[in-house]
Amino acid sequence: MFEFFIFILLPLISSIFCYYIRNLRVQYSVSLGVSILHLVLSLSVFLGYYHADLPFFFSVDSLSKFFLLILSNVYFWVVLVSFSYLKRPVTSKAQEGKKYYFLLLNFYLTANSAAMLSNHFGMYWVAAEATTLSVAPLIFYYRNEEALEAMWKYLFLVSVGIAFAFIGILFLTLSAKGSLLEGKQLFFWEFIKNAKELNPIWLKASFIFIFAGLSTKIGIAPMHSGDIDATSNAPSPVAALMSGSLRLTSLIGVLRILQIIRPTSSYEFAKIILIIGGLLSLFVAFVFMFKVNNYKRMLAYSSVEHLGLITLGIGVGGLAFVGAMYHAIYNSITKVVLFLTAGNIHSRYKSREVSNVTSALRTMPITGWLFLLSFFAISGIPPFGIFFSEIKIFEGLLFSDKPVILFASMFFLLFIFINMGKIIFTMLYKKGENDQLEAGTERFEFIHLSVILLLILLTVIAVISPDVIYQNIINVTKDFGMNL
């Protein structure tokens, strides 16, 4: 029960505490303490130092502990910088958003932990819906019309998606009709063990509805629009949280149904659906990068690009699947870095429009250089991690039975890199009227230190490539029945 308390109950208790204690510094201290405990236990479970024995509808396997550590790491860094972020001046309307910020963050951790650790489709569905309810009010943090529209659009589209996922779960129960699973609970591992007895027609329908429904939260095209608006309008730490961890919480639901389909005749059908979704996401990001006018929206589309690449790797399988798992780690850290530096730019220029940001490298030299390094990291420039994970995905695509996918992917990624680089270099170097007055006025802040540490962490993990990460990913591939 100790691990259940730390992973799920403690963040929930902390959320209730933050409702009654309105002092932001106290809320921050409690939330940071919870995030540290969560990260330490997640890391201990991942490294094998502690065996988690969870009750009820929860359990730990290679996939859940892998994604849980990613969630815990992203959450820790977001909480760590949140107090510095909340001290920045905002409008009187936005002051109201600060009162519930840490309450909602703790509830977010509860919901996402429950979703990742659930071993039952019903529990996963409830937890996935709770993640939506936890993050939607945070999107409305600034209390302006854009944020309000983004919040309601996100709630509506994601709720429709969750309803689709629920229909998919109902189809899964129908696929069990006439088998040993008929009338039994919806535990993942029971369905995996008896997958060959399931009706293939209902199983395919289940996969389509679950994948399409959860794509609204993953950000897979064409179901991505609500997530894009939400991420680009949310405060930067929340946007980092959504891009770095919330998308993976939804992806794990798709992976669970894929585990069930893996030993059946429907597997090739599921792979085609995933590949189409991945390629379509890369195409959408490719098209958008030709008409960028909002840099936070650009970063949101970058998330569509990289989740599309992860989905593509999962769909192809084999070495590309391994690369996709590595990519999940590196993308989560890089997105935190990108959104935090973009948040600094937004705070200085009071605008998300690319045309309003001039000479950022001169006006904000620390943030400017970190933003440039973050761009290199997300673009797969060595020695940053995404370079190594993309190489694995590309190698997997090349030696798969569909090598043409590699050339299409590289074409899209090339122009995404060129156009994204053009916009970022314009923001950093284009001269404005007041450059001389504002040059060199930036002070070194705690957020800068956090970004530097994250970039170091990203590089160290990529270069050293710890064996424990590789072994866990290999265990995940074995759970999916893949032999490398």
Protein backbone atom coordinates (compact mmCIF):
# COMPACT_ATOMS: atom_id res chain seq x y z
CA MET A 1 0.00 0.00 0.00
CA PHE A 2 2.98 2.34 0.45
CA GLU A 3 3.54 2.75 -3.30
CA PHE A 4 -0.21 3.20 -3.89
CA PHE A 5 -0.16 5.95 -1.27
CA ILE A 6 2.83 7.76 -2.84
CA PHE A 7 1.78 7.39 -6.47
CA ILE A 8 -1.95 8.10 -6.18
CA LEU A 9 -3.26 8.98 -2.70
CA LEU A 10 -0.57 11.46 -1.64
CA PRO A 11 -1.00 13.77 -4.67
CA LEU A 12 -4.77 13.62 -4.10
CA ILE A 13 -4.35 14.55 -0.42
CA SER A 14 -1.96 17.32 -1.44
CA SER A 15 -4.57 18.60 -3.90
CA ILE A 16 -7.17 18.80 -1.11
CA PHE A 17 -4.61 20.51 1.14
CA CYS A 18 -3.97 23.16 -1.52
CA TYR A 19 -7.69 23.89 -1.65
CA TYR A 20 -7.80 24.89 2.01
CA ILE A 21 -4.34 26.45 2.36
CA ARG A 22 -4.22 29.44 0.02
CA ASN A 23 -0.61 30.52 0.66
CA LEU A 24 1.23 29.96 -2.64
CA ARG A 25 4.61 29.37 -1.02
CA VAL A 26 3.18 26.66 1.24
CA GLN A 27 1.34 25.09 -1.69
CA TYR A 28 4.56 25.11 -3.68
CA SER A 29 6.57 23.52 -0.87
CA VAL A 30 4.04 20.72 -0.39
CA SER A 31 3.69 20.10 -4.13
CA LEU A 32 7.45 20.03 -4.61
CA GLY A 33 7.81 17.54 -1.75
CA VAL A 34 5.17 15.29 -3.33
CA SER A 35 6.89 15.49 -6.72
CA ILE A 36 10.25 14.53 -5.19
CA LEU A 37 8.76 11.52 -3.37
CA HIS A 38 6.96 10.47 -6.56
CA LEU A 39 10.15 10.79 -8.63
CA VAL A 40 12.32 8.92 -6.09
CA LEU A 41 9.87 6.01 -5.86
CA SER A 42 9.33 5.93 -9.65
CA LEU A 43 13.09 5.82 -10.19
CA SER A 44 13.49 3.11 -7.53
CA VAL A 45 10.82 0.97 -9.18
CA PHE A 46 12.35 1.54 -12.62
CA LEU A 47 15.85 0.62 -11.44
CA GLY A 48 14.53 -2.48 -9.67
CA TYR A 49 15.48 -1.31 -6.18
CA TYR A 50 11.85 -1.47 -5.08
CA HIS A 51 9.13 -3.89 -6.12
CA ALA A 52 5.76 -2.17 -6.35
CA ASP A 53 2.79 -4.26 -5.27
CA LEU A 54 -0.30 -2.23 -6.10
CA PRO A 55 -3.86 -3.09 -5.03
CA PHE A 56 -7.25 -3.03 -6.75
CA PHE A 57 -7.12 -2.25 -10.49
CA PHE A 58 -3.45 -1.24 -10.58
CA SER A 59 -0.17 -3.02 -11.32
CA VAL A 60 3.33 -2.36 -12.64
CA ASP A 61 4.91 -3.85 -15.76
CA SER A 62 7.77 -2.78 -18.03
CA LEU A 63 5.61 -0.37 -20.02
CA SER A 64 3.87 1.30 -17.08
CA LYS A 65 7.03 1.85 -15.02
CA PHE A 66 8.80 3.24 -18.11
CA PHE A 67 6.08 5.79 -18.83
CA LEU A 68 5.56 6.51 -15.13
CA LEU A 69 9.19 7.59 -14.77
CA ILE A 70 8.82 9.93 -17.75
CA LEU A 71 5.68 11.43 -16.17
CA SER A 72 7.36 11.79 -12.78
CA ASN A 73 10.46 13.45 -14.23
CA VAL A 74 8.49 15.97 -16.32
CA TYR A 75 6.17 16.73 -13.40
CA PHE A 76 9.08 17.35 -11.02
CA TRP A 77 10.71 19.93 -13.29
CA VAL A 78 7.42 21.66 -14.00
CA VAL A 79 6.62 21.98 -10.30
CA LEU A 80 10.18 23.07 -9.57
CA VAL A 81 9.92 26.14 -11.83
CA SER A 82 6.25 26.89 -11.21
CA PHE A 83 6.69 29.20 -8.23
CA SER A 84 9.18 31.35 -10.17
CA TYR A 85 6.69 31.44 -13.02
CA LEU A 86 3.76 32.40 -10.78
CA LYS A 87 5.68 35.36 -9.34
CA ARG A 88 5.61 37.05 -12.72
CA PRO A 89 3.11 39.91 -13.06
CA VAL A 90 -0.19 39.05 -14.70
CA THR A 91 -3.52 40.77 -15.21
CA SER A 92 -5.95 41.04 -12.31
CA LYS A 93 -8.16 38.38 -13.92
CA ALA A 94 -5.26 35.94 -14.11
CA GLN A 95 -4.56 36.31 -10.39
CA GLU A 96 -7.55 34.04 -9.81
CA GLY A 97 -5.82 31.27 -11.76
CA LYS A 98 -2.94 31.20 -9.28
CA LYS A 99 -5.22 30.12 -6.43
CA TYR A 100 -5.97 26.74 -7.98
CA TYR A 101 -2.72 26.18 -9.88
CA PHE A 102 -1.04 23.74 -7.46
CA LEU A 103 -4.35 22.11 -6.53
CA LEU A 104 -4.88 21.19 -10.17
CA LEU A 105 -1.25 20.14 -10.66
CA ASN A 106 -1.52 17.63 -7.82
CA PHE A 107 -4.81 16.32 -9.16
CA TYR A 108 -3.11 16.02 -12.56
CA LEU A 109 -0.41 13.83 -11.01
CA THR A 110 -3.03 11.63 -9.33
CA ALA A 111 -5.02 11.14 -12.54
CA ASN A 112 -2.02 10.49 -14.79
CA SER A 113 -0.40 8.08 -12.32
CA ALA A 114 -3.67 6.18 -12.02
CA ALA A 115 -4.00 5.98 -15.81
CA MET A 116 -0.45 4.73 -16.33
CA LEU A 117 -0.60 2.17 -13.51
CA SER A 118 -4.09 0.86 -14.25
CA ASN A 119 -4.40 -2.74 -15.46
CA HIS A 120 -8.11 -2.50 -16.24
CA PHE A 121 -9.75 -0.76 -19.21
CA GLY A 122 -12.54 0.67 -17.05
CA MET A 123 -10.11 2.18 -14.56
CA TYR A 124 -7.94 3.52 -17.36
CA TRP A 125 -10.93 5.21 -18.98
CA VAL A 126 -11.98 6.91 -15.72
CA ALA A 127 -8.40 8.07 -15.03
CA ALA A 128 -7.98 9.34 -18.62
CA GLU A 129 -11.14 11.42 -18.25
CA ALA A 130 -9.82 12.76 -14.92
CA THR A 131 -6.63 13.93 -16.65
CA THR A 132 -8.80 16.07 -18.94
CA LEU A 133 -10.64 17.62 -16.01
CA SER A 134 -7.37 18.34 -14.22
CA VAL A 135 -5.69 20.15 -17.09
CA ALA A 136 -8.63 22.07 -18.65
CA PRO A 137 -8.85 24.78 -15.91
CA LEU A 138 -5.07 25.25 -16.16
CA ILE A 139 -5.48 26.10 -19.86
CA PHE A 140 -7.75 28.97 -18.72
CA TYR A 141 -5.01 30.34 -16.42
CA TYR A 142 -4.77 33.75 -18.14
CA ARG A 143 -8.55 34.26 -18.03
CA ASN A 144 -8.74 35.85 -21.49
CA GLU A 145 -11.01 35.08 -24.45
CA GLU A 146 -8.40 33.04 -26.31
CA ALA A 147 -7.72 30.86 -23.26
CA LEU A 148 -11.46 30.41 -22.64
CA GLU A 149 -12.06 29.34 -26.23
CA ALA A 150 -9.07 26.97 -26.12
CA MET A 151 -10.29 25.40 -22.86
CA TRP A 152 -13.83 24.75 -24.10
CA LYS A 153 -12.58 23.48 -27.47
CA TYR A 154 -10.20 21.13 -25.67
CA LEU A 155 -12.93 19.92 -23.30
CA PHE A 156 -15.40 19.35 -26.12
CA LEU A 157 -13.08 17.58 -28.56
CA VAL A 158 -11.31 15.49 -25.94
CA SER A 159 -14.62 14.52 -24.30
CA VAL A 160 -15.86 13.35 -27.70
CA GLY A 161 -12.59 11.44 -28.06
CA ILE A 162 -12.98 9.84 -24.65
CA ALA A 163 -16.53 8.86 -25.64
CA PHE A 164 -15.10 7.21 -28.77
CA ALA A 165 -12.60 5.35 -26.58
CA PHE A 166 -15.47 4.18 -24.37
CA ILE A 167 -17.27 2.82 -27.43
CA GLY A 168 -14.02 1.07 -28.34
CA ILE A 169 -13.96 -0.58 -24.91
CA LEU A 170 -17.56 -1.72 -25.43
CA PHE A 171 -16.54 -3.23 -28.78
CA LEU A 172 -13.72 -5.02 -26.96
CA THR A 173 -16.25 -6.64 -24.63
CA LEU A 174 -18.28 -7.69 -27.68
CA SER A 175 -15.17 -9.27 -29.18
CA ALA A 176 -15.04 -11.55 -26.10
CA LYS A 177 -18.53 -12.94 -26.71
CA GLY A 178 -18.44 -16.72 -26.82
CA SER A 179 -14.93 -16.88 -25.34
CA LEU A 180 -13.60 -17.53 -21.83
CA LEU A 181 -13.56 -13.76 -21.22
CA GLU A 182 -17.30 -13.25 -21.76
CA GLY A 183 -18.86 -11.57 -18.73
CA LYS A 184 -15.53 -11.12 -16.95
CA GLN A 185 -13.65 -7.99 -15.86
CA LEU A 186 -11.72 -5.95 -18.44
CA PHE A 187 -8.20 -6.65 -17.17
CA PHE A 188 -5.47 -6.06 -19.75
CA TRP A 189 -3.51 -9.23 -19.12
CA GLU A 190 -6.56 -11.49 -19.30
CA PHE A 191 -7.32 -10.16 -22.77
CA ILE A 192 -3.68 -10.45 -23.83
CA LYS A 193 -3.52 -14.11 -22.75
CA ASN A 194 -6.76 -14.97 -24.53
CA ALA A 195 -6.38 -12.62 -27.50
CA LYS A 196 -6.65 -15.37 -30.14
CA GLU A 197 -10.15 -16.24 -28.96
CA LEU A 198 -11.47 -12.72 -29.61
CA ASN A 199 -13.71 -11.90 -32.57
CA PRO A 200 -11.43 -10.15 -35.13
CA ILE A 201 -14.16 -7.87 -36.52
CA TRP A 202 -15.06 -6.41 -33.12
CA LEU A 203 -11.38 -6.29 -32.18
CA LYS A 204 -10.57 -4.17 -35.24
CA ALA A 205 -13.51 -1.88 -34.48
CA SER A 206 -12.29 -1.58 -30.88
CA PHE A 207 -8.80 -0.56 -32.00
CA ILE A 208 -10.12 2.03 -34.47
CA PHE A 209 -12.35 3.72 -31.88
CA ILE A 210 -9.77 3.64 -29.07
CA PHE A 211 -7.00 4.97 -31.33
CA ALA A 212 -9.19 7.69 -32.88
CA GLY A 213 -10.59 8.69 -29.49
CA LEU A 214 -7.29 8.89 -27.67
CA SER A 215 -5.67 10.66 -30.64
CA THR A 216 -7.47 13.83 -29.51
CA LYS A 217 -5.23 13.80 -26.43
CA ILE A 218 -2.11 12.35 -28.06
CA GLY A 219 -2.26 15.00 -30.80
CA ILE A 220 -2.33 12.60 -33.75
CA ALA A 221 -3.72 14.13 -36.96
CA PRO A 222 -6.46 14.66 -37.93
CA MET A 223 -7.73 14.66 -34.31
CA HIS A 224 -5.12 17.16 -33.10
CA SER A 225 -6.76 20.60 -33.29
CA GLY A 226 -8.10 20.83 -29.74
CA ASP A 227 -4.77 19.82 -28.27
CA ILE A 228 -2.93 22.39 -30.42
CA ASP A 229 -5.09 25.29 -29.23
CA ALA A 230 -4.84 24.16 -25.62
CA THR A 231 -1.06 23.78 -25.64
CA SER A 232 -0.44 27.12 -27.37
CA ASN A 233 -2.71 29.08 -24.98
CA ALA A 234 -1.77 27.39 -21.70
CA PRO A 235 0.93 28.87 -19.45
CA SER A 236 4.35 27.53 -20.44
CA PRO A 237 4.83 25.06 -17.52
CA VAL A 238 1.40 23.58 -18.21
CA ALA A 239 2.14 23.39 -21.94
CA ALA A 240 5.39 21.58 -21.08
CA LEU A 241 3.44 19.18 -18.87
CA MET A 242 0.91 18.45 -21.60
CA SER A 243 3.50 17.93 -24.33
CA GLY A 244 5.94 16.02 -22.12
CA SER A 245 3.64 13.64 -20.25
CA LEU A 246 -0.11 13.95 -20.93
CA ARG A 247 0.26 12.79 -24.53
CA LEU A 248 2.09 9.67 -23.31
CA THR A 249 -0.69 8.93 -20.82
CA SER A 250 -3.05 8.67 -23.77
CA LEU A 251 -0.52 6.78 -25.89
CA ILE A 252 -0.27 4.04 -23.27
CA GLY A 253 -3.97 3.31 -23.81
CA VAL A 254 -3.31 2.72 -27.50
CA LEU A 255 -0.34 0.52 -26.62
CA ARG A 256 -2.53 -1.61 -24.34
CA ILE A 257 -5.03 -2.41 -27.06
CA LEU A 258 -2.10 -3.01 -29.45
CA GLN A 259 -0.71 -5.58 -26.98
CA ILE A 260 -4.00 -7.44 -27.20
CA ILE A 261 -4.07 -7.33 -31.01
CA ARG A 262 -0.40 -8.32 -31.39
CA PRO A 263 -0.86 -12.14 -31.44
CA THR A 264 -3.98 -12.01 -33.62
CA SER A 265 -4.63 -11.80 -37.35
CA SER A 266 -5.74 -8.15 -36.88
CA TYR A 267 -2.21 -6.98 -36.04
CA GLU A 268 -1.27 -5.98 -39.59
CA PHE A 269 -4.47 -3.96 -39.82
CA ALA A 270 -3.59 -2.12 -36.58
CA LYS A 271 -0.06 -1.44 -37.83
CA ILE A 272 -1.42 0.16 -41.00
CA ILE A 273 -3.71 2.42 -38.96
CA LEU A 274 -0.78 3.52 -36.76
CA ILE A 275 1.48 4.14 -39.75
CA ILE A 276 -1.20 6.22 -41.48
CA GLY A 277 -1.73 8.24 -38.28
CA GLY A 278 2.01 8.80 -37.87
CA LEU A 279 2.58 9.86 -41.49
CA LEU A 280 -0.47 12.12 -41.47
CA SER A 281 0.83 13.85 -38.32
CA LEU A 282 4.21 14.45 -39.96
CA PHE A 283 2.43 15.82 -43.04
CA VAL A 284 0.25 18.19 -40.99
CA ALA A 285 3.29 19.54 -39.11
CA PHE A 286 5.13 19.85 -42.46
CA VAL A 287 2.29 21.96 -43.94
CA PHE A 288 1.91 24.16 -40.86
CA MET A 289 5.60 25.05 -40.70
CA PHE A 290 5.24 26.91 -44.01
CA LYS A 291 2.81 29.41 -42.44
CA VAL A 292 4.00 29.87 -38.85
CA ASN A 293 2.83 33.08 -37.15
CA ASN A 294 2.64 31.95 -33.49
CA TYR A 295 5.75 30.43 -31.94
CA LYS A 296 3.96 28.58 -29.12
CA ARG A 297 1.63 27.10 -31.71
CA MET A 298 4.74 26.13 -33.68
CA LEU A 299 5.99 24.20 -30.65
CA ALA A 300 2.59 22.54 -30.30
CA TYR A 301 2.81 21.35 -33.91
CA SER A 302 6.33 20.15 -33.16
CA SER A 303 4.70 17.87 -30.57
CA VAL A 304 2.33 16.59 -33.28
CA GLU A 305 5.40 15.89 -35.41
CA HIS A 306 7.27 13.95 -32.73
CA LEU A 307 4.26 12.01 -31.42
CA GLY A 308 3.59 11.15 -35.06
CA LEU A 309 7.15 9.86 -35.35
CA ILE A 310 6.71 7.80 -32.16
CA THR A 311 3.43 6.39 -33.48
CA LEU A 312 5.10 5.58 -36.78
CA GLY A 313 7.89 3.69 -34.98
CA ILE A 314 5.35 1.74 -32.92
CA GLY A 315 3.40 0.87 -36.06
CA VAL A 316 6.44 -0.39 -37.97
CA GLY A 317 7.73 -2.34 -34.95
CA GLY A 318 11.11 -3.99 -34.43
CA LEU A 319 14.04 -1.60 -34.13
CA ALA A 320 11.75 1.34 -34.98
CA PHE A 321 9.68 0.43 -31.90
CA VAL A 322 12.83 0.59 -29.74
CA GLY A 323 13.66 3.98 -31.26
CA ALA A 324 10.12 5.17 -30.53
CA MET A 325 10.49 4.29 -26.84
CA TYR A 326 13.80 6.18 -26.65
CA HIS A 327 12.15 9.05 -28.51
CA ALA A 328 9.43 9.23 -25.84
CA ILE A 329 12.11 9.92 -23.21
CA TYR A 330 14.08 12.50 -25.19
CA ASN A 331 11.03 14.31 -26.56
CA SER A 332 9.52 14.68 -23.09
CA ILE A 333 12.62 16.42 -21.71
CA THR A 334 13.17 18.57 -24.81
CA LYS A 335 9.57 19.79 -24.81
CA VAL A 336 9.93 21.01 -21.21
CA VAL A 337 13.04 22.97 -22.22
CA LEU A 338 11.38 24.45 -25.32
CA PHE A 339 8.20 25.60 -23.60
CA LEU A 340 10.00 27.08 -20.60
CA THR A 341 12.28 29.17 -22.82
CA ALA A 342 9.30 30.14 -25.01
CA GLY A 343 7.53 31.21 -21.80
CA ASN A 344 10.40 33.56 -21.01
CA ILE A 345 10.13 35.10 -24.47
CA HIS A 346 6.37 35.49 -24.06
CA SER A 347 6.81 37.19 -20.69
CA ARG A 348 9.28 39.68 -22.15
CA TYR A 349 7.55 40.52 -25.42
CA LYS A 350 3.93 40.08 -24.20
CA SER A 351 3.08 38.38 -27.48
CA ARG A 352 3.04 34.93 -29.04
CA GLU A 353 3.25 36.34 -32.56
CA VAL A 354 6.51 35.67 -34.37
CA SER A 355 6.48 39.12 -36.00
CA ASN A 356 6.49 40.84 -32.58
CA VAL A 357 9.65 39.09 -31.37
CA THR A 358 12.82 40.79 -32.61
CA SER A 359 16.50 40.41 -31.68
CA ALA A 360 15.67 38.00 -28.87
CA LEU A 361 19.26 36.83 -28.72
CA ARG A 362 20.40 40.38 -28.02
CA THR A 363 17.47 41.44 -25.85
CA MET A 364 17.41 38.21 -23.84
CA PRO A 365 20.89 36.70 -24.31
CA ILE A 366 20.48 33.86 -21.79
CA THR A 367 17.03 32.79 -22.92
CA GLY A 368 18.00 33.36 -26.56
CA TRP A 369 20.94 30.95 -26.44
CA LEU A 370 18.96 28.37 -24.49
CA PHE A 371 16.10 28.65 -27.00
CA LEU A 372 18.59 28.10 -29.82
CA LEU A 373 20.07 25.03 -28.08
CA SER A 374 16.54 23.74 -27.49
CA PHE A 375 15.83 24.06 -31.20
CA PHE A 376 18.97 22.06 -31.97
CA ALA A 377 17.84 19.43 -29.44
CA ILE A 378 14.34 19.02 -30.89
CA SER A 379 15.75 18.97 -34.44
CA GLY A 380 17.91 15.93 -33.73
CA ILE A 381 21.32 17.63 -33.76
CA PRO A 382 23.98 15.56 -31.94
CA PRO A 383 24.83 15.10 -29.11
CA PHE A 384 21.20 15.64 -28.02
CA GLY A 385 19.06 12.54 -27.49
CA ILE A 386 16.59 12.90 -30.35
CA PHE A 387 19.47 12.41 -32.82
CA PHE A 388 20.05 8.89 -31.46
CA SER A 389 16.37 7.91 -31.21
CA GLU A 390 15.63 9.14 -34.74
CA ILE A 391 18.57 7.15 -36.08
CA LYS A 392 17.06 4.01 -34.50
CA ILE A 393 13.63 4.77 -35.94
CA PHE A 394 15.10 5.46 -39.39
CA GLU A 395 17.11 2.25 -39.28
CA GLY A 396 13.99 0.34 -38.30
CA LEU A 397 12.07 1.92 -41.18
CA LEU A 398 14.85 1.17 -43.66
CA PHE A 399 15.01 -2.53 -42.83
CA SER A 400 11.25 -2.97 -42.53
CA ASP A 401 8.98 -4.32 -45.25
CA LYS A 402 7.91 -0.71 -46.02
CA PRO A 403 11.18 1.22 -46.59
CA VAL A 404 9.37 3.85 -48.69
CA ILE A 405 8.00 5.23 -45.39
CA LEU A 406 11.54 6.29 -44.49
CA PHE A 407 11.90 8.56 -47.51
CA ALA A 408 8.48 10.16 -46.97
CA SER A 409 9.29 10.75 -43.29
CA MET A 410 12.71 12.24 -43.99
CA PHE A 411 11.22 14.55 -46.63
CA PHE A 412 8.67 15.91 -44.15
CA LEU A 413 11.23 16.20 -41.34
CA LEU A 414 13.71 18.05 -43.58
CA PHE A 415 11.27 20.84 -44.42
CA ILE A 416 9.96 20.99 -40.86
CA PHE A 417 13.56 21.56 -39.74
CA ILE A 418 14.21 24.21 -42.41
CA ASN A 419 11.03 26.20 -41.78
CA MET A 420 11.16 25.91 -38.00
CA GLY A 421 14.80 27.01 -38.08
CA LYS A 422 13.94 29.96 -40.32
CA ILE A 423 11.32 31.18 -37.81
CA ILE A 424 13.52 30.70 -34.75
CA PHE A 425 16.53 32.43 -36.33
CA THR A 426 14.24 35.29 -37.37
CA MET A 427 13.07 35.66 -33.77
CA LEU A 428 16.61 35.55 -32.45
CA TYR A 429 18.39 37.78 -34.98
CA LYS A 430 15.88 40.06 -36.74
CA LYS A 431 16.46 43.64 -35.63
CA GLY A 432 13.73 45.76 -34.06
CA GLU A 433 13.37 49.48 -33.38
CA ASN A 434 14.18 49.37 -29.65
CA ASP A 435 17.03 46.87 -29.64
CA GLN A 436 19.61 49.34 -28.36
CA LEU A 437 17.46 50.30 -25.38
CA GLU A 438 16.66 46.75 -24.34
CA ALA A 439 19.90 44.93 -25.11
CA GLY A 440 21.52 42.87 -22.34
CA THR A 441 18.92 43.56 -19.63
CA GLU A 442 18.09 39.93 -18.80
CA ARG A 443 19.00 38.52 -15.38
CA PHE A 444 19.90 34.89 -14.73
CA GLU A 445 16.84 33.21 -13.19
CA PHE A 446 15.96 29.88 -11.63
CA ILE A 447 14.16 28.84 -14.82
CA HIS A 448 17.42 29.32 -16.75
CA LEU A 449 19.23 27.04 -14.32
CA SER A 450 16.53 24.39 -14.66
CA VAL A 451 16.72 24.52 -18.47
CA ILE A 452 20.51 24.16 -18.40
CA LEU A 453 20.26 21.16 -16.06
CA LEU A 454 17.65 19.55 -18.30
CA LEU A 455 19.82 20.01 -21.39
CA ILE A 456 22.72 18.41 -19.52
CA LEU A 457 20.46 15.54 -18.39
CA LEU A 458 19.23 15.07 -21.96
CA THR A 459 22.78 14.89 -23.31
CA VAL A 460 24.11 12.62 -20.55
CA ILE A 461 21.30 10.08 -20.95
CA ALA A 462 21.79 10.06 -24.73
CA VAL A 463 25.57 9.74 -24.71
CA ILE A 464 25.89 7.28 -21.82
CA SER A 465 22.75 5.35 -22.81
CA PRO A 466 22.28 3.59 -19.44
CA ASP A 467 21.87 -0.16 -19.75
CA VAL A 468 18.87 -0.11 -17.39
CA ILE A 469 16.90 1.97 -19.92
CA TYR A 470 17.85 -0.35 -22.77
CA GLN A 471 16.92 -3.47 -20.78
CA ASN A 472 13.56 -2.01 -19.81
CA ILE A 473 12.79 -1.12 -23.43
CA ILE A 474 13.80 -4.64 -24.49
CA ASN A 475 11.39 -6.00 -21.85
CA VAL A 476 8.66 -3.80 -23.31
CA THR A 477 9.35 -5.18 -26.80
CA LYS A 478 9.15 -8.72 -25.39
CA ASP A 479 5.77 -7.91 -23.86
CA PHE A 480 4.69 -7.00 -27.39
CA GLY A 481 6.01 -10.29 -28.73
CA MET A 482 8.84 -8.75 -30.76
CA ASN A 483 12.19 -10.44 -31.22
CA LEU A 484 15.01 -8.10 -32.22
